[in-house]
C-alpha atoms as a PDB file:
ATOM      1  CA  MET A   1      -2.450  -6.279 -11.013  1.00  0.00           C
ATOM      2  CA  VAL A   2      -4.494  -4.292  -9.252  1.00  0.00           C
ATOM      3  CA  SER A   3      -4.712  -2.361  -5.408  1.00  0.00           C
ATOM      4  CA  VAL A   4      -7.717  -0.737  -3.649  1.00  0.00           C
ATOM      5  CA  GLY A   5      -7.864   0.625   0.171  1.00  0.00           C
ATOM      6  CA  VAL A   6     -11.426   0.045   0.787  1.00  0.00           C
ATOM      7  CA  SER A   7     -13.130   1.047   4.736  1.00  0.00           C
ATOM      8  CA  LYS A   8     -16.593   1.820   6.195  1.00  0.00           C
ATOM      9  CA  LEU A   9     -15.423   5.479   5.184  1.00  0.00           C
ATOM     10  CA  GLY A  10     -14.518   4.685   1.676  1.00  0.00           C
ATOM     11  CA  TYR A  11     -12.343   3.627  -0.847  1.00  0.00           C
ATOM     12  CA  THR A  12      -9.443   4.490  -3.491  1.00  0.00           C
ATOM     13  CA  ASN A  13      -9.304   4.101  -6.910  1.00  0.00           C
ATOM     14  CA  LEU A  14      -8.604   0.969  -9.126  1.00  0.00           C
ATOM     15  CA  ILE A  15      -4.821   1.538  -8.466  1.00  0.00           C
ATOM     16  CA  LEU A  16      -3.205  -0.497 -11.647  1.00  0.00           C
ATOM     17  CA  VAL A  17       0.656  -1.998 -12.111  1.00  0.00           C
ATOM     18  CA  ASP A  18       2.216   0.243 -14.837  1.00  0.00           C
ATOM     19  CA  SER A  19       0.716  -2.411 -18.130  1.00  0.00           C
ATOM     20  CA  SER A  20       4.632  -1.662 -19.663  1.00  0.00           C
ATOM     21  CA  GLY A  21       6.327  -5.003 -17.928  1.00  0.00           C
ATOM     22  CA  ALA A  22       7.004  -3.525 -14.569  1.00  0.00           C
ATOM     23  CA  LYS A  23       7.796  -6.162 -12.182  1.00  0.00           C
ATOM     24  CA  VAL A  24       6.642  -5.927  -9.071  1.00  0.00           C
ATOM     25  CA  ASN A  25       9.418  -6.117  -6.361  1.00  0.00           C
ATOM     26  CA  GLY A  26       9.957  -5.383  -3.187  1.00  0.00           C
ATOM     27  CA  ALA A  27      11.245  -1.841  -3.867  1.00  0.00           C
ATOM     28  CA  TYR A  28       9.078  -0.670  -6.722  1.00  0.00           C
ATOM     29  CA  TYR A  29       5.873  -2.403  -4.013  1.00  0.00           C
ATOM     30  CA  ARG A  30       7.543   0.619  -1.392  1.00  0.00           C
ATOM     31  CA  ASN A  31       8.505   2.935  -4.111  1.00  0.00           C
ATOM     32  CA  VAL A  32       5.594   3.579  -6.231  1.00  0.00           C
ATOM     33  CA  LEU A  33       2.477   1.436  -5.093  1.00  0.00           C
ATOM     34  CA  LEU A  34       2.182   1.938  -1.432  1.00  0.00           C
ATOM     35  CA  SER A  35       4.475   5.650  -1.199  1.00  0.00           C
ATOM     36  CA  GLN A  36       3.362   7.250  -4.185  1.00  0.00           C
ATOM     37  CA  GLN A  37      -0.175   6.124  -4.669  1.00  0.00           C
ATOM     38  CA  LEU A  38      -2.193   3.826  -2.144  1.00  0.00           C
ATOM     39  CA  LEU A  39      -0.618   5.614   0.931  1.00  0.00           C
ATOM     40  CA  PRO A  40      -1.438   9.100   0.118  1.00  0.00           C
ATOM     41  CA  ALA A  41      -4.944   8.090  -1.064  1.00  0.00           C
ATOM     42  CA  ILE A  42      -5.887   6.202   1.424  1.00  0.00           C
ATOM     43  CA  ARG A  43      -5.000   9.065   3.544  1.00  0.00           C
ATOM     44  CA  GLN A  44      -7.283  11.171   1.995  1.00  0.00           C
ATOM     45  CA  ILE A  45     -10.786   9.090   2.807  1.00  0.00           C
ATOM     46  CA  SER A  46      -9.558   8.213   6.450  1.00  0.00           C
ATOM     47  CA  GLY A  47      -6.653  10.783   7.352  1.00  0.00           C
ATOM     48  CA  GLU A  48      -4.900   9.306   9.864  1.00  0.00           C
ATOM     49  CA  PHE A  49      -6.698   7.079  10.850  1.00  0.00           C
ATOM     50  CA  PHE A  50      -6.471   3.374   9.832  1.00  0.00           C
ATOM     51  CA  ILE A  51      -5.770   0.049  10.114  1.00  0.00           C
ATOM     52  CA  PHE A  52      -2.965  -1.044   6.804  1.00  0.00           C
ATOM     53  CA  GLN A  53      -3.484  -4.718   6.032  1.00  0.00           C
ATOM     54  CA  GLN A  54      -2.083  -6.925   3.280  1.00  0.00           C
ATOM     55  CA  ASP A  55      -1.493 -10.133   2.218  1.00  0.00           C
ATOM     56  CA  SER A  56       1.655 -12.862   2.334  1.00  0.00           C
ATOM     57  CA  ALA A  57       3.162 -11.909  -0.744  1.00  0.00           C
ATOM     58  CA  PRO A  58       7.146 -11.519  -1.060  1.00  0.00           C
ATOM     59  CA  ALA A  59       7.158  -7.896  -1.880  1.00  0.00           C
ATOM     60  CA  HIS A  60       5.056  -7.298   1.335  1.00  0.00           C
ATOM     61  CA  ARG A  61       6.159  -9.371   3.851  1.00  0.00           C
ATOM     62  CA  ALA A  62       9.870  -8.066   2.642  1.00  0.00           C
ATOM     63  CA  ARG A  63      11.766  -6.214   5.502  1.00  0.00           C
ATOM     64  CA  GLU A  64      12.223  -2.810   4.101  1.00  0.00           C
ATOM     65  CA  THR A  65       7.979  -3.068   3.676  1.00  0.00           C
ATOM     66  CA  ILE A  66       7.918  -3.683   6.562  1.00  0.00           C
ATOM     67  CA  SER A  67       9.944  -1.030   8.218  1.00  0.00           C
ATOM     68  CA  LEU A  68       8.232   1.525   5.914  1.00  0.00           C
ATOM     69  CA  LEU A  69       4.396   0.792   7.103  1.00  0.00           C
ATOM     70  CA  GLU A  70       5.696   0.389  10.455  1.00  0.00           C
ATOM     71  CA  ARG A  71       7.268   3.760  10.028  1.00  0.00           C
ATOM     72  CA  GLU A  72       4.008   5.596   7.476  1.00  0.00           C
ATOM     73  CA  THR A  73       1.032   3.822   9.260  1.00  0.00           C
ATOM     74  CA  PRO A  74      -0.927   4.744  12.617  1.00  0.00           C
ATOM     75  CA  THR A  75      -1.477   0.994  13.045  1.00  0.00           C
ATOM     76  CA  PHE A  76       0.130  -1.903  10.273  1.00  0.00           C
ATOM     77  CA  ILE A  77      -1.052  -5.237  11.121  1.00  0.00           C
ATOM     78  CA  SER A  78       1.409  -7.831   9.779  1.00  0.00           C
END
């Protein structure tokens, strides 16, 4: 699996899931992919002015994920 942030201001590096068999559940998605990698990379490009949107994968729609994104992003499209 790979993630990337894209906007008219630029794009993040590709963010790859650890190939050692990590399962992308809600906790891994929130704690590793979002909090440690994707959100800091997006902020580096755009500062605090961005809209975050994702698809409806189970890890993306978990209650804890939605709460994190509502707290940590200026605008979130669920």
